[in-house]
């Protein structure tokens, strides 16, 4: 989720630069185009923010369920087998989301050790 938060902050910063620095300095005939870009950024920012919050809520709920299952002994006591696959998949997805080179170039020793 850190990357999604960074994306939200980046979109907000781009929108602010457009509003405060770029649009005021444009000739009036170019302002309409810039205002359309600003509106697109607003929509993207709002959508991204909603998706981030929704994902955070889903992740928190899933983590709570998984934690309760582990505590209650749903998975074997040595934490081998199914739980290892679930956690490995989770880690791989997080690495892929935060570091695109992870899967694309397989640069990380942890990935190659599989």
PDB file of N, CA and C in Angstrom:
ATOM      1  N   UNK A   1       0.794  -1.200   0.000  1.00  0.00           N
ATOM      2  CA  UNK A   1       0.000   0.000   0.000  1.00  0.00           C
ATOM      3  C   UNK A   1       0.842   1.272   0.000  1.00  0.00           C
ATOM      4  N   UNK A   2       2.084   1.163   0.369  1.00  0.00           N
ATOM      5  CA  UNK A   2       2.921   2.349   0.386  1.00  0.00           C
ATOM      6  C   UNK A   2       3.021   2.958  -1.002  1.00  0.00           C
ATOM      7  N   UNK A   3       3.103   2.124  -2.036  1.00  0.00           N
ATOM      8  CA  UNK A   3       3.188   2.643  -3.400  1.00  0.00           C
ATOM      9  C   UNK A   3       1.901   3.350  -3.797  1.00  0.00           C
ATOM     10  N   UNK A   4       0.776   2.810  -3.383  1.00  0.00           N
ATOM     11  CA  UNK A   4      -0.499   3.455  -3.688  1.00  0.00           C
ATOM     12  C   UNK A   4      -0.591   4.803  -2.991  1.00  0.00           C
ATOM     13  N   UNK A   5      -0.109   4.875  -1.759  1.00  0.00           N
ATOM     14  CA  UNK A   5      -0.081   6.158  -1.058  1.00  0.00           C
ATOM     15  C   UNK A   5       0.845   7.143  -1.761  1.00  0.00           C
ATOM     16  N   UNK A   6       1.991   6.657  -2.245  1.00  0.00           N
ATOM     17  CA  UNK A   6       2.912   7.516  -2.993  1.00  0.00           C
ATOM     18  C   UNK A   6       2.244   8.022  -4.266  1.00  0.00           C
ATOM     19  N   UNK A   7       1.491   7.136  -4.937  1.00  0.00           N
ATOM     20  CA  UNK A   7       0.808   7.527  -6.166  1.00  0.00           C
ATOM     21  C   UNK A   7      -0.230   8.609  -5.868  1.00  0.00           C
ATOM     22  N   UNK A   8      -0.964   8.447  -4.779  1.00  0.00           N
ATOM     23  CA  UNK A   8      -1.955   9.442  -4.398  1.00  0.00           C
ATOM     24  C   UNK A   8      -1.283  10.783  -4.124  1.00  0.00           C
ATOM     25  N   UNK A   9      -0.174  10.767  -3.387  1.00  0.00           N
ATOM     26  CA  UNK A   9       0.549  12.009  -3.089  1.00  0.00           C
ATOM     27  C   UNK A   9       1.116  12.638  -4.354  1.00  0.00           C
ATOM     28  N   UNK A  10       1.615  11.813  -5.261  1.00  0.00           N
ATOM     29  CA  UNK A  10       2.165  12.323  -6.516  1.00  0.00           C
ATOM     30  C   UNK A  10       1.081  12.972  -7.375  1.00  0.00           C
ATOM     31  N   UNK A  11      -0.080  12.331  -7.471  1.00  0.00           N
ATOM     32  CA  UNK A  11      -1.185  12.920  -8.226  1.00  0.00           C
ATOM     33  C   UNK A  11      -1.635  14.240  -7.599  1.00  0.00           C
ATOM     34  N   UNK A  12      -1.688  14.274  -6.268  1.00  0.00           N
ATOM     35  CA  UNK A  12      -2.080  15.511  -5.583  1.00  0.00           C
ATOM     36  C   UNK A  12      -1.053  16.617  -5.830  1.00  0.00           C
ATOM     37  N   UNK A  13       0.226  16.267  -5.807  1.00  0.00           N
ATOM     38  CA  UNK A  13       1.270  17.259  -6.064  1.00  0.00           C
ATOM     39  C   UNK A  13       1.207  17.762  -7.505  1.00  0.00           C
ATOM     40  N   UNK A  14       0.990  16.856  -8.450  1.00  0.00           N
ATOM     41  CA  UNK A  14       0.881  17.249  -9.866  1.00  0.00           C
ATOM     42  C   UNK A  14      -0.303  18.187 -10.063  1.00  0.00           C
ATOM     43  N   UNK A  15      -1.405  17.882  -9.418  1.00  0.00           N
ATOM     44  CA  UNK A  15      -2.594  18.731  -9.515  1.00  0.00           C
ATOM     45  C   UNK A  15      -2.317  20.117  -8.924  1.00  0.00           C
ATOM     46  N   UNK A  16      -1.638  20.156  -7.794  1.00  0.00           N
ATOM     47  CA  UNK A  16      -1.322  21.440  -7.156  1.00  0.00           C
ATOM     48  C   UNK A  16      -0.393  22.275  -8.036  1.00  0.00           C
ATOM     49  N   UNK A  17       0.625  21.652  -8.628  1.00  0.00           N
ATOM     50  CA  UNK A  17       1.543  22.375  -9.513  1.00  0.00           C
ATOM     51  C   UNK A  17       0.780  22.925 -10.713  1.00  0.00           C
ATOM     52  N   UNK A  18      -0.091  22.098 -11.261  1.00  0.00           N
ATOM     53  CA  UNK A  18      -0.883  22.537 -12.409  1.00  0.00           C
ATOM     54  C   UNK A  18      -1.752  23.737 -12.036  1.00  0.00           C
ATOM     55  N   UNK A  19      -2.444  23.633 -10.893  1.00  0.00           N
ATOM     56  CA  UNK A  19      -3.345  24.708 -10.455  1.00  0.00           C
ATOM     57  C   UNK A  19      -2.597  25.995 -10.091  1.00  0.00           C
ATOM     58  N   UNK A  20      -1.506  25.844  -9.344  1.00  0.00           N
ATOM     59  CA  UNK A  20      -0.840  27.013  -8.768  1.00  0.00           C
ATOM     60  C   UNK A  20       0.216  27.635  -9.677  1.00  0.00           C
ATOM     61  N   UNK A  21       0.912  26.820 -10.457  1.00  0.00           N
ATOM     62  CA  UNK A  21       2.038  27.335 -11.243  1.00  0.00           C
ATOM     63  C   UNK A  21       1.772  27.392 -12.746  1.00  0.00           C
ATOM     64  N   UNK A  22       1.201  26.327 -13.271  1.00  0.00           N
ATOM     65  CA  UNK A  22       1.106  26.228 -14.728  1.00  0.00           C
ATOM     66  C   UNK A  22      -0.093  26.974 -15.293  1.00  0.00           C
ATOM     67  N   UNK A  23      -1.294  26.684 -14.787  1.00  0.00           N
ATOM     68  CA  UNK A  23      -2.503  27.305 -15.353  1.00  0.00           C
ATOM     69  C   UNK A  23      -2.455  28.835 -15.286  1.00  0.00           C
ATOM     70  N   UNK A  24      -2.070  29.425 -14.153  1.00  0.00           N
ATOM     71  CA  UNK A  24      -2.040  30.895 -14.117  1.00  0.00           C
ATOM     72  C   UNK A  24      -1.069  31.524 -15.129  1.00  0.00           C
ATOM     73  N   UNK A  25      -0.034  30.793 -15.506  1.00  0.00           N
ATOM     74  CA  UNK A  25       0.948  31.361 -16.425  1.00  0.00           C
ATOM     75  C   UNK A  25       0.624  31.104 -17.896  1.00  0.00           C
ATOM     76  N   UNK A  26      -0.414  30.354 -18.161  1.00  0.00           N
ATOM     77  CA  UNK A  26      -0.776  30.042 -19.550  1.00  0.00           C
ATOM     78  C   UNK A  26      -1.583  31.169 -20.175  1.00  0.00           C
ATOM     79  N   UNK A  27      -1.434  31.323 -21.494  1.00  0.00           N
ATOM     80  CA  UNK A  27      -2.323  32.264 -22.188  1.00  0.00           C
ATOM     81  C   UNK A  27      -3.759  31.725 -22.119  1.00  0.00           C
ATOM     82  N   UNK A  28      -4.701  32.608 -22.169  1.00  0.00           N
ATOM     83  CA  UNK A  28      -6.104  32.211 -21.971  1.00  0.00           C
ATOM     84  C   UNK A  28      -6.569  31.123 -22.938  1.00  0.00           C
ATOM     85  N   UNK A  29      -6.061  31.091 -24.155  1.00  0.00           N
ATOM     86  CA  UNK A  29      -6.490  30.075 -25.128  1.00  0.00           C
ATOM     87  C   UNK A  29      -6.001  28.665 -24.759  1.00  0.00           C
ATOM     88  N   UNK A  30      -4.978  28.567 -23.921  1.00  0.00           N
ATOM     89  CA  UNK A  30      -4.444  27.261 -23.503  1.00  0.00           C
ATOM     90  C   UNK A  30      -5.016  26.797 -22.155  1.00  0.00           C
ATOM     91  N   UNK A  31      -5.680  27.687 -21.459  1.00  0.00           N
ATOM     92  CA  UNK A  31      -6.163  27.354 -20.122  1.00  0.00           C
ATOM     93  C   UNK A  31      -7.242  26.275 -20.132  1.00  0.00           C
ATOM     94  N   UNK A  32      -8.089  26.266 -21.131  1.00  0.00           N
ATOM     95  CA  UNK A  32      -9.149  25.262 -21.179  1.00  0.00           C
ATOM     96  C   UNK A  32      -8.551  23.856 -21.239  1.00  0.00           C
ATOM     97  N   UNK A  33      -7.533  23.683 -22.060  1.00  0.00           N
ATOM     98  CA  UNK A  33      -6.870  22.373 -22.136  1.00  0.00           C
ATOM     99  C   UNK A  33      -6.256  21.992 -20.795  1.00  0.00           C
ATOM    100  N   UNK A  34      -5.620  22.943 -20.142  1.00  0.00           N
ATOM    101  CA  UNK A  34      -5.006  22.672 -18.841  1.00  0.00           C
ATOM    102  C   UNK A  34      -6.074  22.360 -17.795  1.00  0.00           C
ATOM    103  N   UNK A  35      -7.202  23.038 -17.872  1.00  0.00           N
ATOM    104  CA  UNK A  35      -8.295  22.753 -16.927  1.00  0.00           C
ATOM    105  C   UNK A  35      -8.858  21.346 -17.142  1.00  0.00           C
ATOM    106  N   UNK A  36      -8.880  20.891 -18.395  1.00  0.00           N
ATOM    107  CA  UNK A  36      -9.310  19.518 -18.667  1.00  0.00           C
ATOM    108  C   UNK A  36      -8.329  18.512 -18.063  1.00  0.00           C
ATOM    109  N   UNK A  37      -7.045  18.801 -18.179  1.00  0.00           N
ATOM    110  CA  UNK A  37      -6.025  17.943 -17.569  1.00  0.00           C
ATOM    111  C   UNK A  37      -6.182  17.950 -16.051  1.00  0.00           C
ATOM    112  N   UNK A  38      -6.435  19.116 -15.495  1.00  0.00           N
ATOM    113  CA  UNK A  38      -6.645  19.224 -14.043  1.00  0.00           C
ATOM    114  C   UNK A  38      -7.843  18.377 -13.603  1.00  0.00           C
ATOM    115  N   UNK A  39      -8.908  18.407 -14.368  1.00  0.00           N
ATOM    116  CA  UNK A  39     -10.094  17.600 -14.029  1.00  0.00           C
ATOM    117  C   UNK A  39      -9.779  16.111 -14.112  1.00  0.00           C
ATOM    118  N   UNK A  40      -9.023  15.722 -15.127  1.00  0.00           N
ATOM    119  CA  UNK A  40      -8.616  14.314 -15.242  1.00  0.00           C
ATOM    120  C   UNK A  40      -7.770  13.899 -14.039  1.00  0.00           C
ATOM    121  N   UNK A  41      -6.862  14.766 -13.601  1.00  0.00           N
ATOM    122  CA  UNK A  41      -6.057  14.481 -12.409  1.00  0.00           C
ATOM    123  C   UNK A  41      -6.935  14.366 -11.165  1.00  0.00           C
ATOM    124  N   UNK A  42      -7.937  15.199 -11.065  1.00  0.00           N
ATOM    125  CA  UNK A  42      -8.855  15.132  -9.925  1.00  0.00           C
ATOM    126  C   UNK A  42      -9.597  13.799  -9.892  1.00  0.00           C
ATOM    127  N   UNK A  43     -10.043  13.364 -11.039  1.00  0.00           N
ATOM    128  CA  UNK A  43     -10.750  12.077 -11.121  1.00  0.00           C
ATOM    129  C   UNK A  43      -9.804  10.933 -10.778  1.00  0.00           C
ATOM    130  N   UNK A  44      -8.608  10.970 -11.337  1.00  0.00           N
ATOM    131  CA  UNK A  44      -7.617   9.923 -11.047  1.00  0.00           C
ATOM    132  C   UNK A  44      -7.247   9.911  -9.569  1.00  0.00           C
ATOM    133  N   UNK A  45      -7.084  11.073  -8.984  1.00  0.00           N
ATOM    134  CA  UNK A  45      -6.741  11.176  -7.567  1.00  0.00           C
ATOM    135  C   UNK A  45      -7.853  10.609  -6.693  1.00  0.00           C
ATOM    136  N   UNK A  46      -9.076  10.972  -6.984  1.00  0.00           N
ATOM    137  CA  UNK A  46     -10.215  10.480  -6.205  1.00  0.00           C
ATOM    138  C   UNK A  46     -10.364   8.967  -6.332  1.00  0.00           C
ATOM    139  N   UNK A  47     -10.241   8.466  -7.548  1.00  0.00           N
ATOM    140  CA  UNK A  47     -10.359   7.024  -7.779  1.00  0.00           C
ATOM    141  C   UNK A  47      -9.245   6.266  -7.072  1.00  0.00           C
ATOM    142  N   UNK A  48      -8.027   6.776  -7.189  1.00  0.00           N
ATOM    143  CA  UNK A  48      -6.884   6.133  -6.532  1.00  0.00           C
ATOM    144  C   UNK A  48      -7.069   6.132  -5.018  1.00  0.00           C
ATOM    145  N   UNK A  49      -7.495   7.253  -4.473  1.00  0.00           N
ATOM    146  CA  UNK A  49      -7.710   7.342  -3.031  1.00  0.00           C
ATOM    147  C   UNK A  49      -8.749   6.310  -2.570  1.00  0.00           C
ATOM    148  N   UNK A  50      -9.847   6.204  -3.297  1.00  0.00           N
ATOM    149  CA  UNK A  50     -10.887   5.236  -2.934  1.00  0.00           C
ATOM    150  C   UNK A  50     -10.374   3.806  -3.029  1.00  0.00           C
ATOM    151  N   UNK A  51      -9.630   3.493  -4.077  1.00  0.00           N
ATOM    152  CA  UNK A  51      -9.082   2.144  -4.232  1.00  0.00           C
ATOM    153  C   UNK A  51      -8.079   1.816  -3.129  1.00  0.00           C
ATOM    154  N   UNK A  52      -7.260   2.790  -2.756  1.00  0.00           N
ATOM    155  CA  UNK A  52      -6.282   2.583  -1.687  1.00  0.00           C
ATOM    156  C   UNK A  52      -7.003   2.267  -0.380  1.00  0.00           C
ATOM    157  N   UNK A  53      -7.981   3.043  -0.043  1.00  0.00           N
ATOM    158  CA  UNK A  53      -8.717   2.828   1.213  1.00  0.00           C
ATOM    159  C   UNK A  53      -9.455   1.493   1.193  1.00  0.00           C
ATOM    160  N   UNK A  54     -10.057   1.148   0.061  1.00  0.00           N
ATOM    161  CA  UNK A  54     -10.765  -0.130  -0.052  1.00  0.00           C
ATOM    162  C   UNK A  54      -9.788  -1.288   0.118  1.00  0.00           C
ATOM    163  N   UNK A  55      -8.645  -1.209  -0.536  1.00  0.00           N
ATOM    164  CA  UNK A  55      -7.636  -2.264  -0.445  1.00  0.00           C
ATOM    165  C   UNK A  55      -7.100  -2.384   0.976  1.00  0.00           C
ATOM    166  N   UNK A  56      -6.865  -1.238   1.632  1.00  0.00           N
ATOM    167  CA  UNK A  56      -6.387  -1.260   3.015  1.00  0.00           C
ATOM    168  C   UNK A  56      -7.390  -1.957   3.922  1.00  0.00           C
ATOM    169  N   UNK A  57      -8.674  -1.675   3.727  1.00  0.00           N
ATOM    170  CA  UNK A  57      -9.716  -2.309   4.539  1.00  0.00           C
ATOM    171  C   UNK A  57      -9.771  -3.815   4.288  1.00  0.00           C
ATOM    172  N   UNK A  58      -9.691  -4.222   3.016  1.00  0.00           N
ATOM    173  CA  UNK A  58      -9.703  -5.642   2.683  1.00  0.00           C
ATOM    174  C   UNK A  58      -8.479  -6.355   3.253  1.00  0.00           C
ATOM    175  N   UNK A  59      -7.327  -5.723   3.125  1.00  0.00           N
ATOM    176  CA  UNK A  59      -6.088  -6.315   3.632  1.00  0.00           C
ATOM    177  C   UNK A  59      -6.153  -6.481   5.144  1.00  0.00           C
ATOM    178  N   UNK A  60      -6.619  -5.452   5.838  1.00  0.00           N
ATOM    179  CA  UNK A  60      -6.725  -5.526   7.296  1.00  0.00           C
ATOM    180  C   UNK A  60      -7.667  -6.652   7.708  1.00  0.00           C
ATOM    181  N   UNK A  61      -8.782  -6.776   7.001  1.00  0.00           N
ATOM    182  CA  UNK A  61      -9.748  -7.835   7.319  1.00  0.00           C
ATOM    183  C   UNK A  61      -9.138  -9.216   7.049  1.00  0.00           C
ATOM    184  N   UNK A  62      -8.482  -9.358   5.910  1.00  0.00           N
ATOM    185  CA  UNK A  62      -7.853 -10.643   5.572  1.00  0.00           C
ATOM    186  C   UNK A  62      -6.736 -11.000   6.552  1.00  0.00           C
ATOM    187  N   UNK A  63      -5.955 -10.008   6.954  1.00  0.00           N
ATOM    188  CA  UNK A  63      -4.881 -10.257   7.923  1.00  0.00           C
ATOM    189  C   UNK A  63      -5.446 -10.705   9.265  1.00  0.00           C
ATOM    190  N   UNK A  64      -6.556 -10.098   9.670  1.00  0.00           N
ATOM    191  CA  UNK A  64      -7.176 -10.470  10.945  1.00  0.00           C
ATOM    192  C   UNK A  64      -7.698 -11.904  10.888  1.00  0.00           C
ATOM    193  N   UNK A  65      -8.349 -12.254   9.787  1.00  0.00           N
ATOM    194  CA  UNK A  65      -8.861 -13.623   9.628  1.00  0.00           C
ATOM    195  C   UNK A  65      -7.711 -14.624   9.645  1.00  0.00           C
ATOM    196  N   UNK A  66      -6.653 -14.337   8.886  1.00  0.00           N
ATOM    197  CA  UNK A  66      -5.506 -15.247   8.825  1.00  0.00           C
ATOM    198  C   UNK A  66      -4.839 -15.374  10.193  1.00  0.00           C
ATOM    199  N   UNK A  67      -4.659 -14.263  10.884  1.00  0.00           N
ATOM    200  CA  UNK A  67      -4.054 -14.299  12.220  1.00  0.00           C
ATOM    201  C   UNK A  67      -4.882 -15.153  13.173  1.00  0.00           C
ATOM    202  N   UNK A  68      -6.187 -14.993  13.125  1.00  0.00           N
ATOM    203  CA  UNK A  68      -7.071 -15.792  13.990  1.00  0.00           C
ATOM    204  C   UNK A  68      -6.993 -17.280  13.635  1.00  0.00           C
ATOM    205  N   UNK A  69      -6.900 -17.566  12.344  1.00  0.00           N
ATOM    206  CA  UNK A  69      -6.787 -18.970  11.922  1.00  0.00           C
ATOM    207  C   UNK A  69      -5.479 -19.586  12.416  1.00  0.00           C
ATOM    208  N   UNK A  70      -4.395 -18.847  12.321  1.00  0.00           N
ATOM    209  CA  UNK A  70      -3.095 -19.357  12.788  1.00  0.00           C
ATOM    210  C   UNK A  70      -3.151 -19.609  14.291  1.00  0.00           C
ATOM    211  N   UNK A  71      -3.687 -18.637  15.041  1.00  0.00           N
ATOM    212  CA  UNK A  71      -3.771 -18.773  16.498  1.00  0.00           C
ATOM    213  C   UNK A  71      -4.649 -19.953  16.916  1.00  0.00           C
ATOM    214  N   UNK A  72      -5.716 -20.166  16.167  1.00  0.00           N
ATOM    215  CA  UNK A  72      -6.653 -21.229  16.557  1.00  0.00           C
ATOM    216  C   UNK A  72      -6.209 -22.616  16.097  1.00  0.00           C
ATOM    217  N   UNK A  73      -5.085 -22.689  15.389  1.00  0.00           N
ATOM    218  CA  UNK A  73      -4.550 -23.993  15.001  1.00  0.00           C
ATOM    219  C   UNK A  73      -5.113 -24.561  13.711  1.00  0.00           C
ATOM    220  N   UNK A  74      -5.727 -23.706  12.891  1.00  0.00           N
ATOM    221  CA  UNK A  74      -6.250 -24.175  11.606  1.00  0.00           C
ATOM    222  C   UNK A  74      -5.124 -24.757  10.760  1.00  0.00           C
ATOM    223  N   UNK A  75      -3.953 -24.162  10.875  1.00  0.00           N
ATOM    224  CA  UNK A  75      -2.801 -24.638  10.124  1.00  0.00           C
ATOM    225  C   UNK A  75      -1.926 -25.481  11.035  1.00  0.00           C
ATOM    226  N   UNK A  76      -1.134 -26.329  10.448  1.00  0.00           N
ATOM    227  CA  UNK A  76      -0.308 -27.217  11.270  1.00  0.00           C
ATOM    228  C   UNK A  76       0.652 -26.423  12.150  1.00  0.00           C
ATOM    229  N   UNK A  77       1.061 -27.020  13.246  1.00  0.00           N
ATOM    230  CA  UNK A  77       1.841 -26.316  14.263  1.00  0.00           C
ATOM    231  C   UNK A  77       3.211 -25.865  13.778  1.00  0.00           C
ATOM    232  N   UNK A  78       3.780 -26.529  12.815  1.00  0.00           N
ATOM    233  CA  UNK A  78       5.101 -26.126  12.338  1.00  0.00           C
ATOM    234  C   UNK A  78       5.028 -25.037  11.273  1.00  0.00           C
ATOM    235  N   UNK A  79       3.821 -24.632  10.924  1.00  0.00           N
ATOM    236  CA  UNK A  79       3.578 -23.609   9.908  1.00  0.00           C
ATOM    237  C   UNK A  79       4.159 -23.973   8.547  1.00  0.00           C
ATOM    238  N   UNK A  80       4.185 -25.254   8.262  1.00  0.00           N
ATOM    239  CA  UNK A  80       4.569 -25.714   6.929  1.00  0.00           C
ATOM    240  C   UNK A  80       3.295 -25.943   6.114  1.00  0.00           C
ATOM    241  N   UNK A  81       3.473 -26.208   4.877  1.00  0.00           N
ATOM    242  CA  UNK A  81       2.343 -26.572   4.027  1.00  0.00           C
ATOM    243  C   UNK A  81       1.558 -25.381   3.536  1.00  0.00           C
ATOM    244  N   UNK A  82       0.239 -25.449   3.687  1.00  0.00           N
ATOM    245  CA  UNK A  82      -0.665 -24.466   3.095  1.00  0.00           C
ATOM    246  C   UNK A  82      -0.370 -23.037   3.564  1.00  0.00           C
ATOM    247  N   UNK A  83      -0.106 -22.843   4.841  1.00  0.00           N
ATOM    248  CA  UNK A  83       0.141 -21.491   5.342  1.00  0.00           C
ATOM    249  C   UNK A  83       1.405 -20.900   4.731  1.00  0.00           C
ATOM    250  N   UNK A  84       2.413 -21.730   4.519  1.00  0.00           N
ATOM    251  CA  UNK A  84       3.646 -21.252   3.899  1.00  0.00           C
ATOM    252  C   UNK A  84       3.365 -20.755   2.488  1.00  0.00           C
ATOM    253  N   UNK A  85       2.531 -21.483   1.757  1.00  0.00           N
ATOM    254  CA  UNK A  85       2.173 -21.061   0.402  1.00  0.00           C
ATOM    255  C   UNK A  85       1.405 -19.742   0.419  1.00  0.00           C
ATOM    256  N   UNK A  86       0.476 -19.590   1.367  1.00  0.00           N
ATOM    257  CA  UNK A  86      -0.313 -18.361   1.470  1.00  0.00           C
ATOM    258  C   UNK A  86       0.601 -17.174   1.767  1.00  0.00           C
ATOM    259  N   UNK A  87       1.469 -17.341   2.749  1.00  0.00           N
ATOM    260  CA  UNK A  87       2.353 -16.241   3.132  1.00  0.00           C
ATOM    261  C   UNK A  87       3.384 -15.936   2.042  1.00  0.00           C
ATOM    262  N   UNK A  88       3.901 -16.960   1.381  1.00  0.00           N
ATOM    263  CA  UNK A  88       4.856 -16.748   0.290  1.00  0.00           C
ATOM    264  C   UNK A  88       4.211 -15.981  -0.861  1.00  0.00           C
ATOM    265  N   UNK A  89       2.984 -16.333  -1.180  1.00  0.00           N
ATOM    266  CA  UNK A  89       2.251 -15.643  -2.238  1.00  0.00           C
ATOM    267  C   UNK A  89       2.036 -14.179  -1.864  1.00  0.00           C
ATOM    268  N   UNK A  90       1.677 -13.932  -0.602  1.00  0.00           N
ATOM    269  CA  UNK A  90       1.462 -12.569  -0.125  1.00  0.00           C
ATOM    270  C   UNK A  90       2.734 -11.733  -0.251  1.00  0.00           C
ATOM    271  N   UNK A  91       3.843 -12.295   0.176  1.00  0.00           N
ATOM    272  CA  UNK A  91       5.126 -11.593   0.097  1.00  0.00           C
ATOM    273  C   UNK A  91       5.504 -11.327  -1.366  1.00  0.00           C
ATOM    274  N   UNK A  92       5.319 -12.315  -2.228  1.00  0.00           N
ATOM    275  CA  UNK A  92       5.640 -12.140  -3.650  1.00  0.00           C
ATOM    276  C   UNK A  92       4.800 -11.027  -4.271  1.00  0.00           C
ATOM    277  N   UNK A  93       3.507 -10.972  -3.928  1.00  0.00           N
ATOM    278  CA  UNK A  93       2.634  -9.933  -4.470  1.00  0.00           C
ATOM    279  C   UNK A  93       3.051  -8.550  -3.977  1.00  0.00           C
ATOM    280  N   UNK A  94       3.434  -8.465  -2.703  1.00  0.00           N
ATOM    281  CA  UNK A  94       3.875  -7.174  -2.165  1.00  0.00           C
ATOM    282  C   UNK A  94       5.173  -6.724  -2.821  1.00  0.00           C
ATOM    283  N   UNK A  95       6.101  -7.649  -3.012  1.00  0.00           N
ATOM    284  CA  UNK A  95       7.361  -7.301  -3.671  1.00  0.00           C
ATOM    285  C   UNK A  95       7.132  -6.879  -5.111  1.00  0.00           C
ATOM    286  N   UNK A  96       6.262  -7.581  -5.789  1.00  0.00           N
ATOM    287  CA  UNK A  96       5.977  -7.238  -7.184  1.00  0.00           C
ATOM    288  C   UNK A  96       5.347  -5.849  -7.282  1.00  0.00           C
ATOM    289  N   UNK A  97       4.441  -5.534  -6.343  1.00  0.00           N
ATOM    290  CA  UNK A  97       3.776  -4.229  -6.372  1.00  0.00           C
ATOM    291  C   UNK A  97       4.740  -3.096  -6.034  1.00  0.00           C
ATOM    292  N   UNK A  98       5.625  -3.340  -5.078  1.00  0.00           N
ATOM    293  CA  UNK A  98       6.510  -2.266  -4.636  1.00  0.00           C
ATOM    294  C   UNK A  98       7.788  -2.161  -5.460  1.00  0.00           C
ATOM    295  N   UNK A  99       8.177  -3.251  -6.131  1.00  0.00           N
ATOM    296  CA  UNK A  99       9.424  -3.278  -6.885  1.00  0.00           C
ATOM    297  C   UNK A  99       9.186  -4.003  -8.208  1.00  0.00           C
ATOM    298  N   UNK A 100       8.789  -3.255  -9.248  1.00  0.00           N
ATOM    299  CA  UNK A 100       8.482  -3.907 -10.525  1.00  0.00           C
ATOM    300  C   UNK A 100       9.608  -4.773 -11.074  1.00  0.00           C
ATOM    301  N   UNK A 101      10.857  -4.417 -10.799  1.00  0.00           N
ATOM    302  CA  UNK A 101      11.986  -5.212 -11.289  1.00  0.00           C
ATOM    303  C   UNK A 101      12.025  -6.606 -10.667  1.00  0.00           C
ATOM    304  N   UNK A 102      11.338  -6.793  -9.565  1.00  0.00           N
ATOM    305  CA  UNK A 102      11.354  -8.070  -8.849  1.00  0.00           C
ATOM    306  C   UNK A 102      10.998  -9.230  -9.779  1.00  0.00           C
ATOM    307  N   UNK A 103       9.855  -9.161 -10.421  1.00  0.00           N
ATOM    308  CA  UNK A 103       9.421 -10.250 -11.311  1.00  0.00           C
ATOM    309  C   UNK A 103       9.985 -10.091 -12.710  1.00  0.00           C
ATOM    310  N   UNK A 104      10.048  -8.855 -13.176  1.00  0.00           N
ATOM    311  CA  UNK A 104      10.464  -8.620 -14.553  1.00  0.00           C
ATOM    312  C   UNK A 104      11.889  -9.110 -14.800  1.00  0.00           C
ATOM    313  N   UNK A 105      12.796  -8.727 -13.924  1.00  0.00           N
ATOM    314  CA  UNK A 105      14.203  -9.051 -14.133  1.00  0.00           C
ATOM    315  C   UNK A 105      14.734 -10.129 -13.198  1.00  0.00           C
ATOM    316  N   UNK A 106      13.907 -10.546 -12.238  1.00  0.00           N
ATOM    317  CA  UNK A 106      14.294 -11.578 -11.268  1.00  0.00           C
ATOM    318  C   UNK A 106      15.663 -11.263 -10.662  1.00  0.00           C
ATOM    319  N   UNK A 107      15.813 -10.036 -10.190  1.00  0.00           N
ATOM    320  CA  UNK A 107      17.107  -9.568  -9.697  1.00  0.00           C
ATOM    321  C   UNK A 107      17.370  -9.941  -8.237  1.00  0.00           C
ATOM    322  N   UNK A 108      16.374 -10.374  -7.529  1.00  0.00           N
ATOM    323  CA  UNK A 108      16.537 -10.541  -6.099  1.00  0.00           C
ATOM    324  C   UNK A 108      16.837 -12.000  -5.737  1.00  0.00           C
ATOM    325  N   UNK A 109      17.845 -12.179  -4.892  1.00  0.00           N
ATOM    326  CA  UNK A 109      18.271 -13.532  -4.527  1.00  0.00           C
ATOM    327  C   UNK A 109      17.162 -14.301  -3.835  1.00  0.00           C
ATOM    328  N   UNK A 110      16.315 -13.633  -3.069  1.00  0.00           N
ATOM    329  CA  UNK A 110      15.224 -14.320  -2.389  1.00  0.00           C
ATOM    330  C   UNK A 110      14.281 -14.966  -3.416  1.00  0.00           C
ATOM    331  N   UNK A 111      14.086 -14.292  -4.512  1.00  0.00           N
ATOM    332  CA  UNK A 111      13.197 -14.821  -5.554  1.00  0.00           C
ATOM    333  C   UNK A 111      13.863 -16.005  -6.261  1.00  0.00           C
ATOM    334  N   UNK A 112      15.133 -15.882  -6.529  1.00  0.00           N
ATOM    335  CA  UNK A 112      15.851 -16.930  -7.244  1.00  0.00           C
ATOM    336  C   UNK A 112      16.039 -18.187  -6.402  1.00  0.00           C
ATOM    337  N   UNK A 113      15.965 -18.056  -5.081  1.00  0.00           N
ATOM    338  CA  UNK A 113      16.193 -19.187  -4.193  1.00  0.00           C
ATOM    339  C   UNK A 113      15.037 -20.177  -4.186  1.00  0.00           C
ATOM    340  N   UNK A 114      13.899 -19.826  -4.740  1.00  0.00           N
ATOM    341  CA  UNK A 114      12.711 -20.694  -4.705  1.00  0.00           C
ATOM    342  C   UNK A 114      12.962 -22.045  -5.275  1.00  0.00           C
TER     343      UNK A 114
END
